[in-house]
Amino acid sequence: MSKVADKLLQLSILMVVFLIAAPVTAKPIHPYADPIALGDQTVDLGVVLTSAFENTPWTLTREDDAHYLGNLSSRGFEVQVRISMVDNVLTMTLDSATETGCADNCQDLDETPVLRWLVSLRRNITFKLTEQVRNNLQ
């Protein structure tokens, strides 16, 4: 083999190894966890969250003006999420998620329904935020 062909073979092997190893070492980014920056818009977080939680199975608990807890008890799961507004950036973090329907032999938590509920809740919150910002501009 020529030197060029040898280099191309080495490069292709390196790229295959990288493509196989990169997804294994990467940390997944959950779609609900992206912070929502509001810039210079002022919103009443309590009103937004109250309306976002209205038609959902989630319950909202207020800690203070900038920190809220969302709780969900559904289909054998207990989920708690913390919602906070710091420097006009809204963040949503998962505090806990437990599966209550499997007694003492729970090995792994099935994250699929938990992530689906969190994404749905974030979608409701962003929709209500958008409505309030739009109404403030009119």
C-alpha atoms as a PDB file:
ATOM      1  CA  MET A   1       0.000   0.000   0.000  1.00  0.00           C
ATOM      2  CA  SER A   2       1.074   3.513  -0.622  1.00  0.00           C
ATOM      3  CA  LYS A   3       1.629   6.023   2.134  1.00  0.00           C
ATOM      4  CA  VAL A   4      -1.490   7.981   1.099  1.00  0.00           C
ATOM      5  CA  ALA A   5      -3.693   4.887   1.230  1.00  0.00           C
ATOM      6  CA  ASP A   6      -2.181   3.945   4.600  1.00  0.00           C
ATOM      7  CA  LYS A   7      -2.920   7.404   6.013  1.00  0.00           C
ATOM      8  CA  LEU A   8      -6.496   7.284   4.680  1.00  0.00           C
ATOM      9  CA  LEU A   9      -7.015   3.885   6.291  1.00  0.00           C
ATOM     10  CA  GLN A  10      -5.700   5.168   9.625  1.00  0.00           C
ATOM     11  CA  LEU A  11      -7.903   8.240   9.393  1.00  0.00           C
ATOM     12  CA  SER A  12     -11.014   6.203   8.580  1.00  0.00           C
ATOM     13  CA  ILE A  13     -10.337   3.831  11.494  1.00  0.00           C
ATOM     14  CA  LEU A  14      -9.891   6.804  13.811  1.00  0.00           C
ATOM     15  CA  MET A  15     -13.187   8.323  12.642  1.00  0.00           C
ATOM     16  CA  VAL A  16     -15.049   5.027  13.153  1.00  0.00           C
ATOM     17  CA  VAL A  17     -13.648   4.716  16.675  1.00  0.00           C
ATOM     18  CA  PHE A  18     -14.637   8.323  17.418  1.00  0.00           C
ATOM     19  CA  LEU A  19     -18.184   7.823  16.091  1.00  0.00           C
ATOM     20  CA  ILE A  20     -18.612   4.721  18.223  1.00  0.00           C
ATOM     21  CA  ALA A  21     -17.036   6.138  21.400  1.00  0.00           C
ATOM     22  CA  ALA A  22     -18.526   9.659  21.360  1.00  0.00           C
ATOM     23  CA  PRO A  23     -22.162   8.688  22.063  1.00  0.00           C
ATOM     24  CA  VAL A  24     -21.028   6.403  24.880  1.00  0.00           C
ATOM     25  CA  THR A  25     -19.120   9.131  26.723  1.00  0.00           C
ATOM     26  CA  ALA A  26     -21.502  12.016  26.046  1.00  0.00           C
ATOM     27  CA  LYS A  27     -23.838  13.149  28.803  1.00  0.00           C
ATOM     28  CA  PRO A  28     -27.427  13.443  27.574  1.00  0.00           C
ATOM     29  CA  ILE A  29     -28.996  16.882  27.588  1.00  0.00           C
ATOM     30  CA  HIS A  30     -32.581  16.672  28.730  1.00  0.00           C
ATOM     31  CA  PRO A  31     -34.951  18.868  26.749  1.00  0.00           C
ATOM     32  CA  TYR A  32     -36.736  20.141  29.859  1.00  0.00           C
ATOM     33  CA  ALA A  33     -33.535  21.446  31.455  1.00  0.00           C
ATOM     34  CA  ASP A  34     -32.697  24.244  29.011  1.00  0.00           C
ATOM     35  CA  PRO A  35     -32.942  27.577  30.845  1.00  0.00           C
ATOM     36  CA  ILE A  36     -35.396  30.133  29.497  1.00  0.00           C
ATOM     37  CA  ALA A  37     -33.813  33.581  29.329  1.00  0.00           C
ATOM     38  CA  LEU A  38     -36.378  36.378  29.395  1.00  0.00           C
ATOM     39  CA  GLY A  39     -33.997  39.246  28.689  1.00  0.00           C
ATOM     40  CA  ASP A  40     -35.494  42.517  29.870  1.00  0.00           C
ATOM     41  CA  GLN A  41     -39.091  41.230  29.936  1.00  0.00           C
ATOM     42  CA  THR A  42     -40.820  41.336  33.303  1.00  0.00           C
ATOM     43  CA  VAL A  43     -43.267  38.577  34.088  1.00  0.00           C
ATOM     44  CA  ASP A  44     -45.217  37.591  37.145  1.00  0.00           C
ATOM     45  CA  LEU A  45     -43.873  34.085  37.707  1.00  0.00           C
ATOM     46  CA  GLY A  46     -46.652  33.149  40.117  1.00  0.00           C
ATOM     47  CA  VAL A  47     -49.375  33.960  37.567  1.00  0.00           C
ATOM     48  CA  VAL A  48     -47.516  32.160  34.781  1.00  0.00           C
ATOM     49  CA  LEU A  49     -46.963  29.002  36.809  1.00  0.00           C
ATOM     50  CA  THR A  50     -50.482  28.962  38.245  1.00  0.00           C
ATOM     51  CA  SER A  51     -51.993  29.095  34.770  1.00  0.00           C
ATOM     52  CA  ALA A  52     -49.458  26.579  33.406  1.00  0.00           C
ATOM     53  CA  PHE A  53     -50.309  24.077  36.129  1.00  0.00           C
ATOM     54  CA  GLU A  54     -54.111  24.501  35.849  1.00  0.00           C
ATOM     55  CA  ASN A  55     -55.042  21.636  33.536  1.00  0.00           C
ATOM     56  CA  THR A  56     -52.219  19.264  34.421  1.00  0.00           C
ATOM     57  CA  PRO A  57     -51.872  16.520  37.048  1.00  0.00           C
ATOM     58  CA  TRP A  58     -49.067  18.563  38.645  1.00  0.00           C
ATOM     59  CA  THR A  59     -49.499  20.495  41.889  1.00  0.00           C
ATOM     60  CA  LEU A  60     -47.660  23.752  42.511  1.00  0.00           C
ATOM     61  CA  THR A  61     -46.143  24.820  45.831  1.00  0.00           C
ATOM     62  CA  ARG A  62     -44.682  28.274  46.351  1.00  0.00           C
ATOM     63  CA  GLU A  63     -41.489  28.583  48.390  1.00  0.00           C
ATOM     64  CA  ASP A  64     -40.960  32.314  47.774  1.00  0.00           C
ATOM     65  CA  ASP A  65     -41.393  34.802  44.926  1.00  0.00           C
ATOM     66  CA  ALA A  66     -38.670  33.211  42.798  1.00  0.00           C
ATOM     67  CA  HIS A  67     -38.788  29.531  43.802  1.00  0.00           C
ATOM     68  CA  TYR A  68     -41.569  27.009  43.297  1.00  0.00           C
ATOM     69  CA  LEU A  69     -41.945  23.255  43.578  1.00  0.00           C
ATOM     70  CA  GLY A  70     -43.966  21.114  41.222  1.00  0.00           C
ATOM     71  CA  ASN A  71     -45.136  17.705  42.430  1.00  0.00           C
ATOM     72  CA  LEU A  72     -46.615  14.871  40.424  1.00  0.00           C
ATOM     73  CA  SER A  73     -48.014  11.597  41.678  1.00  0.00           C
ATOM     74  CA  SER A  74     -49.146   9.512  38.739  1.00  0.00           C
ATOM     75  CA  ARG A  75     -48.993   5.924  37.453  1.00  0.00           C
ATOM     76  CA  GLY A  76     -46.792   4.688  40.275  1.00  0.00           C
ATOM     77  CA  PHE A  77     -44.327   7.572  40.104  1.00  0.00           C
ATOM     78  CA  GLU A  78     -43.559  10.436  42.472  1.00  0.00           C
ATOM     79  CA  VAL A  79     -41.799  13.332  40.733  1.00  0.00           C
ATOM     80  CA  GLN A  80     -40.658  16.628  42.216  1.00  0.00           C
ATOM     81  CA  VAL A  81     -39.274  19.485  40.137  1.00  0.00           C
ATOM     82  CA  ARG A  82     -37.864  22.845  41.278  1.00  0.00           C
ATOM     83  CA  ILE A  83     -38.698  25.917  39.213  1.00  0.00           C
ATOM     84  CA  SER A  84     -36.803  29.119  39.902  1.00  0.00           C
ATOM     85  CA  MET A  85     -36.305  32.561  38.383  1.00  0.00           C
ATOM     86  CA  VAL A  86     -32.836  34.028  38.988  1.00  0.00           C
ATOM     87  CA  ASP A  87     -31.553  37.053  37.042  1.00  0.00           C
ATOM     88  CA  ASN A  88     -34.566  36.841  34.715  1.00  0.00           C
ATOM     89  CA  VAL A  89     -33.686  33.282  33.701  1.00  0.00           C
ATOM     90  CA  LEU A  90     -36.216  30.543  34.415  1.00  0.00           C
ATOM     91  CA  THR A  91     -34.740  27.148  35.242  1.00  0.00           C
ATOM     92  CA  MET A  92     -36.382  23.822  35.875  1.00  0.00           C
ATOM     93  CA  THR A  93     -34.434  21.111  37.715  1.00  0.00           C
ATOM     94  CA  LEU A  94     -35.513  17.633  38.677  1.00  0.00           C
ATOM     95  CA  ASP A  95     -35.290  17.209  42.451  1.00  0.00           C
ATOM     96  CA  SER A  96     -36.453  13.615  42.697  1.00  0.00           C
ATOM     97  CA  ALA A  97     -38.182  10.893  40.753  1.00  0.00           C
ATOM     98  CA  THR A  98     -39.142   7.630  42.383  1.00  0.00           C
ATOM     99  CA  GLU A  99     -41.170   4.679  41.261  1.00  0.00           C
ATOM    100  CA  THR A 100     -43.615   3.752  44.019  1.00  0.00           C
ATOM    101  CA  GLY A 101     -45.446   0.921  42.289  1.00  0.00           C
ATOM    102  CA  CYS A 102     -42.670  -1.677  42.410  1.00  0.00           C
ATOM    103  CA  ALA A 103     -42.281  -2.257  46.175  1.00  0.00           C
ATOM    104  CA  ASP A 104     -38.707  -2.819  47.445  1.00  0.00           C
ATOM    105  CA  ASN A 105     -37.249  -4.481  44.352  1.00  0.00           C
ATOM    106  CA  CYS A 106     -36.912  -1.339  42.187  1.00  0.00           C
ATOM    107  CA  GLN A 107     -33.571  -1.569  40.403  1.00  0.00           C
ATOM    108  CA  ASP A 108     -33.778   1.013  37.627  1.00  0.00           C
ATOM    109  CA  LEU A 109     -36.177   3.898  37.246  1.00  0.00           C
ATOM    110  CA  ASP A 110     -37.972   3.975  33.904  1.00  0.00           C
ATOM    111  CA  GLU A 111     -37.113   7.523  32.844  1.00  0.00           C
ATOM    112  CA  THR A 112     -39.323   7.592  29.754  1.00  0.00           C
ATOM    113  CA  PRO A 113     -42.599   8.688  31.404  1.00  0.00           C
ATOM    114  CA  VAL A 114     -40.764  11.055  33.771  1.00  0.00           C
ATOM    115  CA  LEU A 115     -39.024  12.831  30.884  1.00  0.00           C
ATOM    116  CA  ARG A 116     -42.292  12.989  28.958  1.00  0.00           C
ATOM    117  CA  TRP A 117     -44.055  14.641  31.915  1.00  0.00           C
ATOM    118  CA  LEU A 118     -41.203  17.110  32.426  1.00  0.00           C
ATOM    119  CA  VAL A 119     -41.107  18.094  28.754  1.00  0.00           C
ATOM    120  CA  SER A 120     -44.884  18.540  28.757  1.00  0.00           C
ATOM    121  CA  LEU A 121     -44.704  20.730  31.863  1.00  0.00           C
ATOM    122  CA  ARG A 122     -41.921  22.847  30.340  1.00  0.00           C
ATOM    123  CA  ARG A 123     -44.003  23.244  27.182  1.00  0.00           C
ATOM    124  CA  ASN A 124     -46.963  24.483  29.244  1.00  0.00           C
ATOM    125  CA  ILE A 125     -44.763  26.943  31.140  1.00  0.00           C
ATOM    126  CA  THR A 126     -43.131  28.342  27.994  1.00  0.00           C
ATOM    127  CA  PHE A 127     -46.529  28.713  26.329  1.00  0.00           C
ATOM    128  CA  LYS A 128     -47.872  30.711  29.274  1.00  0.00           C
ATOM    129  CA  LEU A 129     -44.671  32.782  29.420  1.00  0.00           C
ATOM    130  CA  THR A 130     -45.055  33.602  25.741  1.00  0.00           C
ATOM    131  CA  GLU A 131     -48.685  34.611  26.263  1.00  0.00           C
ATOM    132  CA  GLN A 132     -47.809  36.923  29.156  1.00  0.00           C
ATOM    133  CA  VAL A 133     -44.918  38.575  27.303  1.00  0.00           C
ATOM    134  CA  ARG A 134     -47.146  39.053  24.243  1.00  0.00           C
ATOM    135  CA  ASN A 135     -49.918  40.564  26.379  1.00  0.00           C
ATOM    136  CA  ASN A 136     -47.430  42.906  28.090  1.00  0.00           C
ATOM    137  CA  LEU A 137     -46.254  44.189  24.717  1.00  0.00           C
ATOM    138  CA  GLN A 138     -49.759  45.008  23.495  1.00  0.00           C
END
